[in-house]
Amino acid sequence: MERRGGRQQDFGDSVSELREWRPVIYRKCTDTVWLLLFFLFWTGLMFITGYAVMAGAAERLVLGYDSFGNICGRKNAPVKGAPLSGQDMTNKKYVFFLNSCSLEMQSLKISSLSLCVSSCPQEQLNSLEDLQSFARNNGSCLCVYNLNISSYTLNPKAAELCPTLPVPPSKSFPLFNRCVPQNPECYSKYASVLISMVNEMDVFHRILGGILTGKDTVIGLSVLALAFSFILVLAFRFIRPLLVHTLIALVVFGLLFVSGVLWWLYYDYRNDPSTELETEKENVKFLLGYAIFSTVVTVVLLSIILVLRKRLPFTVQLFRIVGKIIGRIPFLLFQPLWTFLILIVFWVVWVAVLLSLGTAGTAQTTSGGQVEYRALSGICYMAWYHFIGLIWTSEFILACQQMTIAGAVVTCYFNRNKSSPPPHPVLSSISVLFCYHLGTAVKGSFLITILRIPRMVLLYLYNVLKQKHAYTTTAIHGTNFCTSAKDAVFILAKNSAKLASISCFGDFILFLGKVFVVCFTVFGGLMAFNYHRELQAWVVPLLLVGFFAYLISHSFLSVFEVTVDAMFLCFAIDMETNDGSAEKPYFVDQELLSFVSQSNKLTEGQKQRSMRSFQDNEDGTELQPMT
């Protein structure tokens, strides 16, 4: 991009001389190579989606299927070479094993022939006549489909095509729709084989089973997170000192309560003698990790709250100023809604593709017209690619929202007539984003995606590349992501003493708002998932709930977060390039200028008191003679 204002002499000190720091009128596209890479990445995602839809059947994990390739509880397409496939099993929702009292595991497969039936036998059936009578009275055929009911007692092969006699009474298992025998000996054998089958499944498929069975709970908790986030947005818009204290009290209570519940659940699971399934053992391990992490976060946040408690009045004043800016651009409050809708649509599609991908495989016929599903190689690599797509695309959607907000705030800040804001600043910012800077949003979201995984190791670099300041600089100058991030770092470094403490504490209060949403949503998830312990790796769906709750709260509260950061970056640029004279007047309004001055006076006063205390202690120290 053409640089105005002279040649570069000292890189660190000449950023303000190189740029006039005004929103440019004539722009050019930035980071177009990254936009092309994003399209290529999404081409791979679409290929995975198409493959998962064509080769997957997520219903097999929960609904179950018979030995002939029919999924119970739905209509089925025929499988070549399997004459008993392709049947309508809408009214036959339960899987019934013909020899349920003598099941065996062979290569992750149950050796017994299985059928889809409409109901499980409630009483013991001792003869073929009993089977025939049960079929006529209940409409549930327990023999192979091609054997007519009237032939149960006439066909010489009926003993091979019907269940082993006597058939024990059974009850439908609500989670995986299996007919579980109630006879103690048969139940012991059945449960042993079922536990072995679940334990030998790979972690990926156990997690998929947990997501499928808990999908309704995940959706409900996401809606709960939406409600909490919307309430917080209204609270921050009309903030009062009492609301800040109430929020902090709720966050402290939520952290302590969630940590206590996690430790209680861990103790309860660990001492449960019936914990045999691998999924339950994984739940115990994850619960321990969650409890430790939650406890550490609680201690750290409580310490920070204690240290920063005296800055609460300035936080209230800060959010009043931000609320005044948002009042000039009221459509900013609607940005989280369309962001949330787009994220919800993307997440639903992503989860559906993941579930289909986990059950992707080819149907192969065996002897006797039976069907087996063989998983194809490379599924795990596709799942990791799909997971990266979740983070990158979610960050990209959030980056678009942040750049839209930053562009609108920049347009209004650099407007001399504060009483007459520019027309349609949000729509103008969106048009600039889609016409020129989508590549910058892609690049920024990709770098944040890469740094989010090993975040603890690369935390410094993450802060240097903090996307909100880079997006604000792009909105002003139209430069690419790296150039914008570099310029923002230098201009903020020169004004760090004035703005760091104010901006950091404002961001911390907003972060507490996100913690509030995550805490109470996760608590609802703990209570909901704890009722379904068996055969469900619910700790992973709970992690998804926490992730979704954070993204939802982030998309809503980022309106204030990006507005605060954009406002202070504009303020730093204003102070750097203007001096308040008639020739170079400030753009800042008097309320913001007076707020920054008061905050700086408080900071300087605290520093001077600290220095005086140190000097007094130093002067008052007297060496005592050694005895």
Foldseek 3Di string as FASTA:
>chain_A
DDWDQDDDDDVLPCLVNRHVQFADDDFFFFQVVLVVVVVVLVVLVVVLLVLLVVFFDLLCLAQNAFQQPERAQAAFCHDPLFVLPRHGRNQQRAKEFQALQDWDDDPLDIPTGIDGWNAFAQAKAADLVSQLVCCVVPVTHQFDPVQDSVCCPPDPCNCVRHGPPGDAGFHADPGRRYTAGPPVSSNVVNVVRVLVSQQPDDPLSLQLSQCVSCVVVLVVLLVLLLVLLLVVLVCLLVDDLVSLVVLVVLLLVLLVVLLVVLVVVLVVLVPDPPPDHPLSVVLNVLSVVVNVVSVVVSVVLVVVCVVCVVCSVLLSLLSNVLSVLCVVVVCLLVLLVVLLVVLVVVVVSLSVSSSSLSRGFDWDADPPSTTDGDRDPPSVVSNVSSVLVNQLVLQLSLLLSLLLLLLLLSQQLPDQPNVDGDPPSSVVSNVCCVVHPSSQSSVLSNVCSVCVVVVVVCVVVCVLQVPLQQSNQCSRYVHHRVVSSVSLVSLCVVVVLLPVVSLVVNVSSLVSSLSSSLSVSLVSLCVVCVVPSPSHSNSVSSVVSSVSSSSSSCSNSVSSSSSSSSVVSLVSSQVVNADCDPVGRGSDDPSVVVSSVVVSVVVVVVVVVVVVVVVVVVVPDDDDDDD
